[in-house]
N, C-alpha and C. Protein backbone atom coordinates (compact mmCIF):
# COMPACT_ATOMS: atom_id res chain seq x y z
N MET A 1 89.82 191.66 55.62
CA MET A 1 90.51 190.38 55.62
C MET A 1 91.87 190.48 56.29
N LYS A 2 92.58 191.59 56.01
CA LYS A 2 93.91 191.74 56.57
C LYS A 2 93.86 191.77 58.09
N ARG A 3 92.88 192.50 58.65
CA ARG A 3 92.77 192.62 60.11
C ARG A 3 92.50 191.26 60.75
N LYS A 4 91.62 190.46 60.13
CA LYS A 4 91.32 189.12 60.65
C LYS A 4 92.58 188.26 60.62
N SER A 5 93.34 188.36 59.58
CA SER A 5 94.58 187.59 59.45
C SER A 5 95.58 187.97 60.55
N LEU A 6 95.69 189.27 60.82
CA LEU A 6 96.60 189.72 61.88
C LEU A 6 96.15 189.23 63.25
N LEU A 7 94.84 189.25 63.50
CA LEU A 7 94.32 188.80 64.79
C LEU A 7 94.57 187.32 65.01
N GLN A 8 94.59 186.55 63.94
CA GLN A 8 94.87 185.12 64.07
C GLN A 8 96.29 184.86 64.55
N TRP A 9 97.22 185.72 64.19
CA TRP A 9 98.62 185.54 64.56
C TRP A 9 98.96 186.16 65.92
N LEU A 10 98.06 186.97 66.45
CA LEU A 10 98.33 187.65 67.72
C LEU A 10 98.65 186.70 68.88
N PRO A 11 97.85 185.64 69.11
CA PRO A 11 98.19 184.73 70.21
C PRO A 11 99.57 184.09 70.05
N LEU A 12 99.91 183.71 68.82
CA LEU A 12 101.21 183.11 68.57
C LEU A 12 102.33 184.12 68.82
N ALA A 13 102.11 185.36 68.40
CA ALA A 13 103.11 186.41 68.63
C ALA A 13 103.30 186.67 70.13
N LEU A 14 102.20 186.71 70.89
CA LEU A 14 102.30 186.89 72.34
C LEU A 14 103.02 185.73 73.00
N PHE A 15 102.69 184.51 72.57
CA PHE A 15 103.36 183.32 73.09
C PHE A 15 104.86 183.38 72.82
N ALA A 16 105.25 183.75 71.60
CA ALA A 16 106.67 183.86 71.25
C ALA A 16 107.34 184.97 72.06
N LEU A 17 106.65 186.07 72.27
CA LEU A 17 107.20 187.18 73.05
C LEU A 17 107.52 186.72 74.48
N ILE A 18 106.61 185.96 75.06
CA ILE A 18 106.83 185.47 76.42
C ILE A 18 107.90 184.40 76.46
N LEU A 19 107.84 183.46 75.53
CA LEU A 19 108.74 182.31 75.55
C LEU A 19 110.19 182.65 75.22
N PHE A 20 110.40 183.59 74.33
CA PHE A 20 111.74 183.84 73.83
C PHE A 20 112.34 185.17 74.26
N THR A 21 111.80 185.76 75.31
CA THR A 21 112.35 187.03 75.81
C THR A 21 112.54 186.91 77.33
N PRO A 22 113.15 187.90 77.94
CA PRO A 22 113.31 187.88 79.39
C PRO A 22 111.98 187.91 80.16
N LEU A 23 110.86 188.10 79.47
CA LEU A 23 109.56 188.07 80.14
C LEU A 23 109.15 186.66 80.57
N ARG A 24 109.81 185.64 80.02
CA ARG A 24 109.43 184.25 80.27
C ARG A 24 109.38 183.92 81.76
N THR A 25 110.47 184.17 82.48
CA THR A 25 110.54 183.79 83.89
C THR A 25 109.52 184.53 84.75
N PRO A 26 109.43 185.88 84.67
CA PRO A 26 108.44 186.53 85.53
C PRO A 26 106.99 186.16 85.19
N VAL A 27 106.69 185.97 83.90
CA VAL A 27 105.32 185.63 83.53
C VAL A 27 104.97 184.22 84.00
N LEU A 28 105.82 183.25 83.71
CA LEU A 28 105.55 181.88 84.15
C LEU A 28 105.58 181.78 85.67
N GLY A 29 106.54 182.45 86.31
CA GLY A 29 106.59 182.46 87.77
C GLY A 29 105.36 183.08 88.38
N GLY A 30 104.88 184.17 87.79
CA GLY A 30 103.67 184.83 88.27
C GLY A 30 102.44 183.95 88.12
N LEU A 31 102.35 183.24 86.99
CA LEU A 31 101.23 182.32 86.80
C LEU A 31 101.26 181.20 87.83
N GLN A 32 102.46 180.63 88.05
CA GLN A 32 102.58 179.56 89.05
C GLN A 32 102.28 180.07 90.44
N ARG A 33 102.74 181.29 90.77
CA ARG A 33 102.45 181.88 92.08
C ARG A 33 100.95 182.08 92.26
N GLY A 34 100.28 182.54 91.20
CA GLY A 34 98.84 182.71 91.27
C GLY A 34 98.12 181.40 91.51
N LEU A 35 98.56 180.34 90.86
CA LEU A 35 97.96 179.03 91.07
C LEU A 35 98.19 178.54 92.50
N LEU A 36 99.38 178.80 93.05
CA LEU A 36 99.65 178.43 94.45
C LEU A 36 98.75 179.22 95.39
N ALA A 37 98.66 180.53 95.16
CA ALA A 37 97.91 181.42 96.06
C ALA A 37 96.41 181.09 96.06
N THR A 38 95.88 180.69 94.92
CA THR A 38 94.45 180.39 94.86
C THR A 38 94.14 178.98 95.33
N GLY A 39 95.16 178.16 95.46
CA GLY A 39 94.94 176.78 95.87
C GLY A 39 94.63 175.85 94.70
N LEU A 40 94.62 176.38 93.47
CA LEU A 40 94.37 175.53 92.32
C LEU A 40 95.52 174.57 92.09
N TRP A 41 96.73 174.97 92.48
CA TRP A 41 97.90 174.10 92.38
C TRP A 41 98.32 173.80 93.81
N LYS A 42 98.24 172.56 94.20
CA LYS A 42 98.59 172.15 95.56
C LYS A 42 100.04 171.66 95.55
N ALA A 43 100.97 172.57 95.79
CA ALA A 43 102.37 172.18 95.89
C ALA A 43 102.59 171.48 97.22
N GLU A 44 103.32 170.42 97.19
CA GLU A 44 103.58 169.65 98.40
C GLU A 44 104.38 170.49 99.39
N VAL A 45 103.99 170.43 100.65
CA VAL A 45 104.73 171.10 101.71
C VAL A 45 105.53 170.04 102.43
N PRO A 46 106.86 170.17 102.48
CA PRO A 46 107.66 169.15 103.14
C PRO A 46 107.31 169.04 104.62
N ALA A 47 107.32 167.83 105.12
CA ALA A 47 107.05 167.60 106.54
C ALA A 47 108.36 167.67 107.31
N VAL A 48 108.36 168.50 108.34
CA VAL A 48 109.53 168.62 109.22
C VAL A 48 109.20 167.86 110.49
N VAL A 49 110.03 166.89 110.81
CA VAL A 49 109.79 166.09 112.00
C VAL A 49 110.93 166.31 112.97
N ALA A 50 110.61 166.77 114.16
CA ALA A 50 111.63 166.96 115.19
C ALA A 50 111.91 165.61 115.84
N ALA A 51 113.17 165.29 115.98
CA ALA A 51 113.58 164.03 116.61
C ALA A 51 114.32 164.33 117.89
N PRO A 52 114.45 163.35 118.77
CA PRO A 52 115.26 163.56 119.97
C PRO A 52 116.67 163.94 119.59
N ALA A 53 117.34 164.70 120.45
CA ALA A 53 118.67 165.23 120.15
C ALA A 53 119.66 164.14 119.79
N SER A 54 119.49 162.93 120.34
CA SER A 54 120.46 161.86 120.08
C SER A 54 120.17 161.11 118.78
N THR A 55 119.01 161.38 118.17
CA THR A 55 118.63 160.66 116.96
C THR A 55 118.64 161.59 115.76
N PRO A 56 119.46 161.29 114.74
CA PRO A 56 119.44 162.13 113.55
C PRO A 56 118.07 162.09 112.89
N VAL A 57 117.63 163.21 112.35
CA VAL A 57 116.32 163.29 111.72
C VAL A 57 116.33 162.57 110.38
N SER A 58 117.41 162.74 109.65
CA SER A 58 117.48 162.18 108.31
C SER A 58 117.79 160.69 108.38
N SER A 59 117.12 159.93 107.53
CA SER A 59 117.38 158.49 107.51
C SER A 59 118.77 158.19 106.95
N THR A 60 119.36 159.16 106.25
CA THR A 60 120.70 158.94 105.70
C THR A 60 121.79 159.43 106.65
N ASN A 61 121.41 159.98 107.80
CA ASN A 61 122.36 160.52 108.77
C ASN A 61 123.26 161.59 108.16
N ALA A 62 122.76 162.29 107.15
CA ALA A 62 123.58 163.30 106.49
C ALA A 62 123.70 164.53 107.37
N SER A 63 124.92 164.96 107.60
CA SER A 63 125.16 166.17 108.36
C SER A 63 125.84 167.17 107.45
N ALA A 64 125.36 168.39 107.47
CA ALA A 64 125.89 169.40 106.56
C ALA A 64 127.19 169.99 107.07
N TYR A 65 127.40 170.03 108.37
CA TYR A 65 128.53 170.78 108.91
C TYR A 65 129.89 170.13 108.73
N PRO A 66 130.00 168.80 108.67
CA PRO A 66 131.32 168.25 108.38
C PRO A 66 131.82 168.65 106.99
N HIS A 67 130.89 169.03 106.12
CA HIS A 67 131.27 169.44 104.77
C HIS A 67 131.56 170.94 104.76
N ASN A 68 132.54 171.29 103.99
CA ASN A 68 132.88 172.70 103.85
C ASN A 68 131.96 173.32 102.81
N LEU A 69 131.18 174.32 103.20
CA LEU A 69 130.31 175.02 102.25
C LEU A 69 130.57 176.51 102.36
N PRO A 70 131.67 176.96 101.74
CA PRO A 70 131.95 178.40 101.76
C PRO A 70 130.99 179.14 100.84
N LEU A 71 130.54 180.28 101.33
CA LEU A 71 129.57 181.10 100.60
C LEU A 71 130.06 182.54 100.57
N VAL A 72 129.47 183.30 99.68
CA VAL A 72 129.74 184.73 99.64
C VAL A 72 128.40 185.45 99.51
N THR A 73 128.24 186.53 100.24
CA THR A 73 127.01 187.31 100.16
C THR A 73 127.01 188.12 98.86
N LEU A 74 125.88 188.68 98.52
CA LEU A 74 125.80 189.49 97.30
C LEU A 74 126.68 190.74 97.38
N ASP A 75 127.01 191.16 98.61
CA ASP A 75 127.91 192.31 98.73
C ASP A 75 129.37 191.90 98.96
N GLY A 76 129.68 190.60 98.75
CA GLY A 76 131.07 190.15 98.76
C GLY A 76 131.63 189.66 100.08
N LYS A 77 130.83 189.52 101.11
CA LYS A 77 131.33 189.04 102.40
C LYS A 77 131.40 187.50 102.39
N HIS A 78 132.55 186.95 102.79
CA HIS A 78 132.74 185.51 102.81
C HIS A 78 132.27 184.94 104.15
N VAL A 79 131.46 183.88 104.07
CA VAL A 79 130.95 183.18 105.25
C VAL A 79 130.98 181.69 104.97
N ASN A 80 130.71 180.89 106.01
CA ASN A 80 130.61 179.46 105.84
C ASN A 80 129.32 179.00 106.50
N LEU A 81 128.69 178.00 105.93
CA LEU A 81 127.44 177.50 106.48
C LEU A 81 127.61 177.08 107.93
N SER A 82 128.78 176.56 108.29
CA SER A 82 129.00 176.11 109.67
C SER A 82 128.91 177.25 110.68
N ASP A 83 129.00 178.52 110.21
CA ASP A 83 128.82 179.66 111.11
C ASP A 83 127.41 179.70 111.70
N LEU A 84 126.48 178.98 111.09
CA LEU A 84 125.08 179.01 111.53
C LEU A 84 124.73 177.84 112.45
N LYS A 85 125.71 177.04 112.80
CA LYS A 85 125.44 175.89 113.69
C LYS A 85 124.81 176.40 114.98
N GLY A 86 123.82 175.65 115.46
CA GLY A 86 123.08 176.04 116.65
C GLY A 86 121.71 176.61 116.30
N LYS A 87 121.49 176.88 115.01
CA LYS A 87 120.18 177.36 114.54
C LYS A 87 119.60 176.34 113.57
N VAL A 88 118.29 176.39 113.41
CA VAL A 88 117.67 175.69 112.29
C VAL A 88 118.03 176.51 111.06
N VAL A 89 118.45 175.85 109.99
CA VAL A 89 118.87 176.56 108.78
C VAL A 89 118.00 176.11 107.61
N PHE A 90 117.34 177.09 107.00
CA PHE A 90 116.50 176.88 105.84
C PHE A 90 117.34 177.27 104.63
N VAL A 91 117.79 176.27 103.86
CA VAL A 91 118.63 176.51 102.68
C VAL A 91 117.79 176.28 101.44
N ASN A 92 117.66 177.32 100.61
CA ASN A 92 116.88 177.20 99.38
C ASN A 92 117.79 177.47 98.20
N LEU A 93 117.91 176.49 97.29
CA LEU A 93 118.69 176.65 96.07
C LEU A 93 117.75 177.14 94.97
N TRP A 94 118.13 178.22 94.32
CA TRP A 94 117.26 178.86 93.35
C TRP A 94 118.09 179.56 92.29
N ALA A 95 117.43 180.04 91.25
CA ALA A 95 118.07 180.86 90.22
C ALA A 95 117.03 181.83 89.67
N SER A 96 117.48 182.98 89.24
CA SER A 96 116.57 184.02 88.75
C SER A 96 115.87 183.61 87.46
N TRP A 97 116.43 182.65 86.72
CA TRP A 97 115.83 182.21 85.46
C TRP A 97 114.84 181.06 85.65
N CYS A 98 114.60 180.64 86.88
CA CYS A 98 113.78 179.46 87.18
C CYS A 98 112.38 179.88 87.61
N PRO A 99 111.34 179.70 86.76
CA PRO A 99 109.99 180.14 87.12
C PRO A 99 109.46 179.55 88.43
N PRO A 100 109.63 178.23 88.74
CA PRO A 100 109.14 177.74 90.02
C PRO A 100 109.86 178.38 91.22
N CYS A 101 111.13 178.72 91.04
CA CYS A 101 111.87 179.41 92.11
C CYS A 101 111.24 180.77 92.37
N VAL A 102 110.97 181.49 91.29
CA VAL A 102 110.35 182.81 91.39
C VAL A 102 108.97 182.70 92.03
N ALA A 103 108.24 181.63 91.70
CA ALA A 103 106.88 181.44 92.20
C ALA A 103 106.85 181.19 93.71
N GLU A 104 107.82 180.44 94.25
CA GLU A 104 107.78 180.11 95.67
C GLU A 104 108.43 181.17 96.56
N MET A 105 109.16 182.09 95.98
CA MET A 105 109.88 183.09 96.78
C MET A 105 109.00 184.00 97.64
N PRO A 106 107.84 184.46 97.16
CA PRO A 106 107.03 185.30 98.06
C PRO A 106 106.63 184.57 99.34
N GLY A 107 106.34 183.28 99.24
CA GLY A 107 106.02 182.50 100.43
C GLY A 107 107.21 182.34 101.36
N ILE A 108 108.39 182.12 100.78
CA ILE A 108 109.60 182.00 101.60
C ILE A 108 109.89 183.32 102.30
N HIS A 109 109.73 184.42 101.58
CA HIS A 109 109.99 185.73 102.18
C HIS A 109 109.00 186.03 103.31
N ALA A 110 107.74 185.68 103.10
CA ALA A 110 106.74 185.88 104.16
C ALA A 110 107.09 185.05 105.39
N LEU A 111 107.52 183.81 105.19
CA LEU A 111 107.93 182.95 106.31
C LEU A 111 109.16 183.53 107.00
N TYR A 112 110.12 183.99 106.22
CA TYR A 112 111.34 184.59 106.78
C TYR A 112 111.02 185.74 107.73
N LYS A 113 110.08 186.58 107.34
CA LYS A 113 109.73 187.74 108.17
C LYS A 113 109.04 187.34 109.47
N LYS A 114 108.46 186.14 109.53
CA LYS A 114 107.74 185.68 110.72
C LYS A 114 108.63 184.92 111.71
N MET A 115 109.80 184.46 111.27
CA MET A 115 110.64 183.60 112.11
C MET A 115 111.59 184.42 112.98
N ASP A 116 111.97 183.84 114.11
CA ASP A 116 112.93 184.46 115.02
C ASP A 116 114.34 184.24 114.47
N PRO A 117 115.05 185.29 114.06
CA PRO A 117 116.37 185.11 113.45
C PRO A 117 117.43 184.55 114.42
N LYS A 118 117.13 184.57 115.72
CA LYS A 118 118.06 183.97 116.68
C LYS A 118 117.96 182.45 116.68
N LYS A 119 116.85 181.93 116.14
CA LYS A 119 116.63 180.49 116.15
C LYS A 119 116.63 179.85 114.77
N VAL A 120 116.22 180.62 113.75
CA VAL A 120 116.11 180.09 112.39
C VAL A 120 116.84 181.02 111.43
N ALA A 121 117.77 180.46 110.67
CA ALA A 121 118.52 181.24 109.68
C ALA A 121 118.07 180.82 108.28
N PHE A 122 118.01 181.79 107.39
CA PHE A 122 117.67 181.53 106.00
C PHE A 122 118.90 181.74 105.13
N VAL A 123 119.14 180.77 104.26
CA VAL A 123 120.24 180.84 103.30
C VAL A 123 119.63 180.66 101.92
N MET A 124 119.40 181.76 101.25
CA MET A 124 118.87 181.72 99.90
C MET A 124 120.07 181.63 98.97
N LEU A 125 120.32 180.45 98.45
CA LEU A 125 121.55 180.15 97.72
C LEU A 125 121.31 180.25 96.22
N SER A 126 121.74 181.36 95.63
CA SER A 126 121.54 181.59 94.21
C SER A 126 122.55 180.79 93.39
N LEU A 127 122.04 180.09 92.39
CA LEU A 127 122.91 179.35 91.48
C LEU A 127 123.04 180.07 90.13
N ASP A 128 122.71 181.35 90.13
CA ASP A 128 122.90 182.15 88.92
C ASP A 128 124.38 182.25 88.59
N GLU A 129 124.73 182.09 87.33
CA GLU A 129 126.13 182.26 86.93
C GLU A 129 126.55 183.71 87.02
N ASN A 130 125.61 184.61 86.83
CA ASN A 130 125.87 186.04 86.90
C ASN A 130 125.21 186.59 88.17
N PRO A 131 125.99 186.88 89.23
CA PRO A 131 125.41 187.37 90.48
C PRO A 131 124.59 188.65 90.31
N ALA A 132 124.90 189.45 89.29
CA ALA A 132 124.16 190.69 89.07
C ALA A 132 122.68 190.41 88.77
N LYS A 133 122.39 189.29 88.11
CA LYS A 133 121.00 188.94 87.81
C LYS A 133 120.25 188.59 89.09
N ALA A 134 120.90 187.86 89.98
CA ALA A 134 120.28 187.52 91.26
C ALA A 134 120.05 188.79 92.07
N ARG A 135 121.05 189.63 92.13
CA ARG A 135 120.96 190.89 92.89
C ARG A 135 119.82 191.76 92.35
N ALA A 136 119.73 191.87 91.02
CA ALA A 136 118.69 192.70 90.40
C ALA A 136 117.29 192.17 90.72
N MET A 137 117.13 190.84 90.66
CA MET A 137 115.82 190.28 90.96
C MET A 137 115.43 190.49 92.41
N ILE A 138 116.35 190.28 93.33
CA ILE A 138 116.07 190.45 94.76
C ILE A 138 115.70 191.91 95.05
N GLN A 139 116.44 192.84 94.47
CA GLN A 139 116.16 194.27 94.69
C GLN A 139 114.82 194.66 94.08
N ARG A 140 114.55 194.18 92.87
CA ARG A 140 113.30 194.52 92.17
C ARG A 140 112.09 194.03 92.95
N ARG A 141 112.20 192.87 93.57
CA ARG A 141 111.08 192.29 94.31
C ARG A 141 111.01 192.78 95.76
N GLY A 142 112.06 193.43 96.24
CA GLY A 142 112.06 193.96 97.60
C GLY A 142 112.26 192.91 98.69
N TYR A 143 112.91 191.80 98.34
CA TYR A 143 113.16 190.76 99.32
C TYR A 143 114.29 191.17 100.26
N THR A 144 114.15 190.81 101.53
CA THR A 144 115.15 191.19 102.53
C THR A 144 115.87 190.00 103.13
N PHE A 145 115.52 188.78 102.72
CA PHE A 145 116.24 187.63 103.27
C PHE A 145 117.66 187.60 102.72
N PRO A 146 118.59 186.97 103.46
CA PRO A 146 119.98 186.96 103.00
C PRO A 146 120.17 186.03 101.79
N VAL A 147 120.90 186.53 100.82
CA VAL A 147 121.17 185.78 99.60
C VAL A 147 122.67 185.53 99.52
N TYR A 148 123.02 184.30 99.18
CA TYR A 148 124.41 183.87 99.10
C TYR A 148 124.67 183.23 97.74
N LEU A 149 125.95 183.16 97.42
CA LEU A 149 126.41 182.46 96.23
C LEU A 149 127.43 181.42 96.68
N PRO A 150 127.42 180.22 96.10
CA PRO A 150 128.45 179.25 96.46
C PRO A 150 129.78 179.66 95.84
N THR A 151 130.87 179.36 96.53
CA THR A 151 132.19 179.69 95.98
C THR A 151 132.89 178.45 95.43
N GLY A 152 132.20 177.33 95.42
CA GLY A 152 132.76 176.08 94.90
C GLY A 152 131.63 175.10 94.67
N PRO A 153 132.00 173.84 94.36
CA PRO A 153 130.97 172.82 94.14
C PRO A 153 130.15 172.58 95.40
N LEU A 154 128.88 172.24 95.22
CA LEU A 154 128.01 171.97 96.35
C LEU A 154 128.19 170.54 96.83
N PRO A 155 128.48 170.37 98.11
CA PRO A 155 128.60 169.00 98.64
C PRO A 155 127.22 168.42 98.95
N ALA A 156 127.17 167.11 99.16
CA ALA A 156 125.95 166.51 99.69
C ALA A 156 125.76 167.13 101.07
N PRO A 157 124.58 167.43 101.46
CA PRO A 157 123.28 167.11 100.90
C PRO A 157 122.69 168.20 100.01
N PHE A 158 123.50 169.16 99.57
CA PHE A 158 122.98 170.30 98.81
C PHE A 158 123.04 170.11 97.31
N ASP A 159 123.82 169.16 96.84
CA ASP A 159 123.96 168.92 95.40
C ASP A 159 122.66 168.32 94.87
N SER A 160 122.02 169.02 93.97
CA SER A 160 120.73 168.58 93.44
C SER A 160 120.63 168.92 91.96
N ASN A 161 119.93 168.09 91.24
CA ASN A 161 119.68 168.35 89.82
C ASN A 161 118.40 169.14 89.60
N ALA A 162 117.66 169.41 90.68
CA ALA A 162 116.36 170.08 90.56
C ALA A 162 116.41 171.46 91.20
N LEU A 163 115.75 172.40 90.56
CA LEU A 163 115.54 173.73 91.12
C LEU A 163 114.06 174.03 91.09
N PRO A 164 113.53 174.60 92.13
CA PRO A 164 114.19 174.89 93.40
C PRO A 164 114.37 173.61 94.23
N SER A 165 115.31 173.66 95.16
CA SER A 165 115.50 172.59 96.13
C SER A 165 115.68 173.24 97.49
N THR A 166 115.17 172.59 98.51
CA THR A 166 115.26 173.12 99.86
C THR A 166 115.80 172.04 100.79
N VAL A 167 116.75 172.44 101.63
CA VAL A 167 117.31 171.56 102.65
C VAL A 167 117.16 172.29 103.98
N ILE A 168 116.59 171.62 104.95
CA ILE A 168 116.44 172.21 106.28
C ILE A 168 117.29 171.42 107.25
N LEU A 169 118.15 172.15 107.96
CA LEU A 169 119.07 171.54 108.92
C LEU A 169 118.59 171.82 110.33
N ASP A 170 118.74 170.83 111.21
CA ASP A 170 118.42 171.06 112.61
C ASP A 170 119.60 171.79 113.25
N PRO A 171 119.50 172.20 114.52
CA PRO A 171 120.59 172.97 115.13
C PRO A 171 121.93 172.24 115.20
N GLN A 172 121.92 170.92 115.11
CA GLN A 172 123.18 170.16 115.12
C GLN A 172 123.75 169.95 113.71
N GLY A 173 123.04 170.42 112.71
CA GLY A 173 123.51 170.27 111.34
C GLY A 173 123.01 169.03 110.64
N GLN A 174 122.11 168.29 111.28
CA GLN A 174 121.53 167.11 110.64
C GLN A 174 120.46 167.57 109.65
N VAL A 175 120.33 166.84 108.56
CA VAL A 175 119.32 167.16 107.56
C VAL A 175 117.96 166.71 108.08
N ALA A 176 117.08 167.65 108.34
CA ALA A 176 115.73 167.36 108.81
C ALA A 176 114.79 167.14 107.64
N VAL A 177 115.02 167.87 106.56
CA VAL A 177 114.16 167.78 105.37
C VAL A 177 114.99 168.09 104.15
N ARG A 178 114.71 167.37 103.08
CA ARG A 178 115.26 167.70 101.77
C ARG A 178 114.10 167.61 100.80
N HIS A 179 113.81 168.71 100.12
CA HIS A 179 112.65 168.76 99.22
C HIS A 179 113.09 169.32 97.87
N GLU A 180 112.76 168.61 96.80
CA GLU A 180 113.04 169.10 95.46
C GLU A 180 111.73 169.53 94.81
N GLY A 181 111.74 170.72 94.25
CA GLY A 181 110.55 171.25 93.60
C GLY A 181 109.93 172.38 94.40
N MET A 182 108.94 172.99 93.80
CA MET A 182 108.27 174.14 94.37
C MET A 182 107.39 173.72 95.54
N ALA A 183 107.31 174.59 96.55
CA ALA A 183 106.42 174.33 97.69
C ALA A 183 105.91 175.67 98.21
N GLU A 184 104.82 175.61 98.98
CA GLU A 184 104.28 176.79 99.66
C GLU A 184 104.70 176.67 101.12
N TYR A 185 105.72 177.44 101.49
CA TYR A 185 106.28 177.33 102.84
C TYR A 185 105.59 178.22 103.86
N ASP A 186 104.87 179.21 103.43
CA ASP A 186 104.26 180.15 104.36
C ASP A 186 102.91 179.62 104.85
N THR A 187 102.99 178.57 105.67
CA THR A 187 101.79 178.01 106.29
C THR A 187 102.00 177.96 107.80
N PRO A 188 100.93 178.05 108.58
CA PRO A 188 101.08 177.96 110.03
C PRO A 188 101.71 176.64 110.47
N GLU A 189 101.39 175.55 109.77
CA GLU A 189 101.92 174.24 110.13
C GLU A 189 103.43 174.18 109.91
N PHE A 190 103.88 174.71 108.78
CA PHE A 190 105.31 174.66 108.49
C PHE A 190 106.08 175.57 109.45
N LYS A 191 105.55 176.73 109.74
CA LYS A 191 106.18 177.64 110.70
C LYS A 191 106.29 176.98 112.06
N ALA A 192 105.21 176.34 112.51
CA ALA A 192 105.23 175.65 113.81
C ALA A 192 106.24 174.52 113.82
N ALA A 193 106.38 173.80 112.70
CA ALA A 193 107.35 172.71 112.63
C ALA A 193 108.79 173.24 112.74
N LEU A 194 109.07 174.36 112.09
CA LEU A 194 110.42 174.95 112.21
C LEU A 194 110.68 175.41 113.64
N GLU A 195 109.69 176.01 114.26
CA GLU A 195 109.86 176.46 115.65
C GLU A 195 110.08 175.27 116.58
N GLN A 196 109.38 174.17 116.35
CA GLN A 196 109.56 172.97 117.17
C GLN A 196 110.96 172.41 116.97
N LEU A 197 111.43 172.41 115.75
CA LEU A 197 112.76 171.89 115.45
C LEU A 197 113.84 172.77 116.10
N ALA A 198 113.55 174.05 116.26
CA ALA A 198 114.53 174.99 116.84
C ALA A 198 114.65 174.86 118.35
N ARG A 199 113.74 174.15 119.01
CA ARG A 199 113.78 174.03 120.50
C ARG A 199 114.92 173.17 120.98
């Protein structure tokens, strides 16, 4: 009887272990990543539309470069987003404690490795309060894309209440896409759209 009683509590104990410990984010992120990879979960892929140079892509005419967005790399180097003007810029806001952020990162990293760094820049913008947590997660997963931390409040168009959030800027700094929520970015169509935007 005792063994049967213990077995009844095992699922609840496992659930509590996952939910109330640091295992929560990697386990939930891994489950979400598995659902994305198998196609059981169809995360929306943002559409990138290239517009003529004289026409802003965003209907709000939002340009990121007039705004000051100072950043710092994980190793302490200070940069500004405007340093990337002339390239398509893929900005992803994430945090190490966010399961959907963790789930979409393998796809972002795969896309990063396929893109021409002379034409497309990646800004993985960690919103972790403790930079050491972001650094530890990036190192543990073996990601090589550049990770930055904001040094002040995020201006529009980057200020968002949702994580993950992605903003893609055209070479002139116009917002081409703004997407809130998880997506699968490592697709041939999305890669081709970024390359077209970079021309």
